[in-house]
Amino acid sequence: MNRQQRRQRERENRKRNKDILPVSLNKPKITQTEYRQVMNTLNAVKMASLLVLRDQGWGKVRIQRFSERFNDVLLNVSQGWLSLSDISDMLEDEIGLGLDDLKVE
């Protein structure tokens, strides 16, 4: 899937799923505590990303746009339309950074 196709899918998903949480976990399979921990972790990662972008000079509008796209990517992953492997391969192909280059240490 190339960037244009991915963006088109994300636009379509955004139109269809305005009120869906960024990650739709199957709650019956996990406890409420586990669900909250996952959501807290995702929110912490998102906030750290937004802070870095703000430090790079991004303003409110660009950060809001990034936040929406971040939610769309999480939704696509949670619904199986996009895998973490797809994301890793795309980053490797398009910008030359592999998973080893981007790991949290």
Protein backbone atom coordinates (compact mmCIF):
# COMPACT_ATOMS: atom_id res chain seq x y z
CA MET A 1 0.00 0.00 0.00
CA ASN A 2 1.54 3.31 -1.00
CA ARG A 3 1.18 6.63 0.79
CA GLN A 4 -1.61 7.90 -1.46
CA GLN A 5 -3.67 4.73 -0.97
CA ARG A 6 -3.08 4.81 2.80
CA ARG A 7 -4.17 8.45 3.02
CA GLN A 8 -7.29 7.76 0.95
CA ARG A 9 -8.20 4.87 3.26
CA GLU A 10 -7.61 7.05 6.31
CA ARG A 11 -9.89 9.78 4.89
CA GLU A 12 -12.62 7.21 4.23
CA ASN A 13 -12.20 5.74 7.72
CA ARG A 14 -12.34 9.19 9.30
CA LYS A 15 -15.66 9.90 7.57
CA ARG A 16 -17.12 6.56 8.69
CA ASN A 17 -15.73 6.45 12.21
CA LYS A 18 -16.03 9.96 13.66
CA ASP A 19 -17.16 8.75 17.09
CA ILE A 20 -14.99 5.65 17.49
CA LEU A 21 -12.20 5.61 20.06
CA PRO A 22 -8.70 5.64 18.56
CA VAL A 23 -8.16 2.03 19.55
CA SER A 24 -11.13 -0.28 19.75
CA LEU A 25 -9.95 -3.09 21.97
CA ASN A 26 -12.17 -6.06 22.46
CA LYS A 27 -13.12 -5.30 26.07
CA PRO A 28 -14.57 -8.73 27.00
CA LYS A 29 -11.13 -10.30 26.41
CA ILE A 30 -9.33 -7.92 28.78
CA THR A 31 -10.16 -6.47 32.15
CA GLN A 32 -11.18 -2.87 32.62
CA THR A 33 -7.87 -2.24 34.40
CA GLU A 34 -5.90 -3.64 31.47
CA TYR A 35 -7.94 -1.55 29.05
CA ARG A 36 -7.22 1.63 31.06
CA GLN A 37 -3.50 0.75 31.17
CA VAL A 38 -3.39 0.34 27.40
CA MET A 39 -5.26 3.61 26.86
CA ASN A 40 -2.98 5.42 29.35
CA THR A 41 0.09 4.09 27.54
CA LEU A 42 -1.25 5.16 24.15
CA ASN A 43 -2.09 8.60 25.50
CA ALA A 44 1.39 8.93 27.05
CA VAL A 45 3.03 8.06 23.72
CA LYS A 46 0.76 10.50 21.91
CA MET A 47 1.46 13.31 24.39
CA ALA A 48 5.23 12.74 24.14
CA SER A 49 4.94 12.90 20.34
CA LEU A 50 2.93 16.12 20.52
CA LEU A 51 5.47 17.66 22.88
CA VAL A 52 8.32 16.88 20.48
CA LEU A 53 6.39 18.39 17.58
CA ARG A 54 5.61 21.51 19.62
CA ASP A 55 9.31 21.82 20.50
CA GLN A 56 10.03 21.65 16.76
CA GLY A 57 7.86 24.72 16.23
CA TRP A 58 4.57 23.11 15.26
CA GLY A 59 1.47 25.16 16.05
CA LYS A 60 -2.02 24.26 17.19
CA VAL A 61 -3.49 23.45 13.76
CA ARG A 62 -0.65 21.16 12.66
CA ILE A 63 -0.63 19.40 16.04
CA GLN A 64 -4.39 18.85 15.88
CA ARG A 65 -4.03 17.45 12.36
CA PHE A 66 -1.24 15.14 13.57
CA SER A 67 -3.38 14.04 16.52
CA GLU A 68 -6.25 13.09 14.19
CA ARG A 69 -3.92 11.16 11.89
CA PHE A 70 -2.34 9.42 14.90
CA ASN A 71 -5.82 8.30 15.99
CA ASP A 72 -6.59 7.13 12.45
CA VAL A 73 -3.43 5.02 12.32
CA LEU A 74 -4.27 3.43 15.69
CA LEU A 75 -7.79 2.73 14.49
CA ASN A 76 -6.48 1.16 11.27
CA VAL A 77 -4.08 -1.04 13.25
CA SER A 78 -6.72 -2.06 15.80
CA GLN A 79 -9.17 -3.01 13.05
CA GLY A 80 -6.58 -4.99 11.13
CA TRP A 81 -6.45 -2.72 8.08
CA LEU A 82 -2.83 -1.82 8.77
CA SER A 83 -0.19 -3.80 10.61
CA LEU A 84 2.86 -2.64 12.52
CA SER A 85 4.87 -4.59 9.97
CA ASP A 86 3.25 -2.50 7.19
CA ILE A 87 4.24 0.68 9.00
CA SER A 88 7.79 -0.54 9.54
CA ASP A 89 8.14 -1.56 5.88
CA MET A 90 6.76 1.79 4.69
CA LEU A 91 9.21 3.74 6.86
CA GLU A 92 12.08 1.60 5.63
CA ASP A 93 11.08 2.01 1.97
CA GLU A 94 10.17 5.69 2.02
CA ILE A 95 12.71 7.24 4.38
CA GLY A 96 15.32 4.54 4.88
CA LEU A 97 14.77 4.11 8.62
CA GLY A 98 14.23 0.56 9.78
CA LEU A 99 12.80 -0.75 13.00
CA ASP A 100 16.26 -0.96 14.59
CA ASP A 101 16.80 2.75 13.87
CA LEU A 102 13.53 3.75 15.56
CA LYS A 103 13.38 1.53 18.67
CA VAL A 104 12.95 3.12 22.08
CA GLU A 105 16.03 2.48 24.17
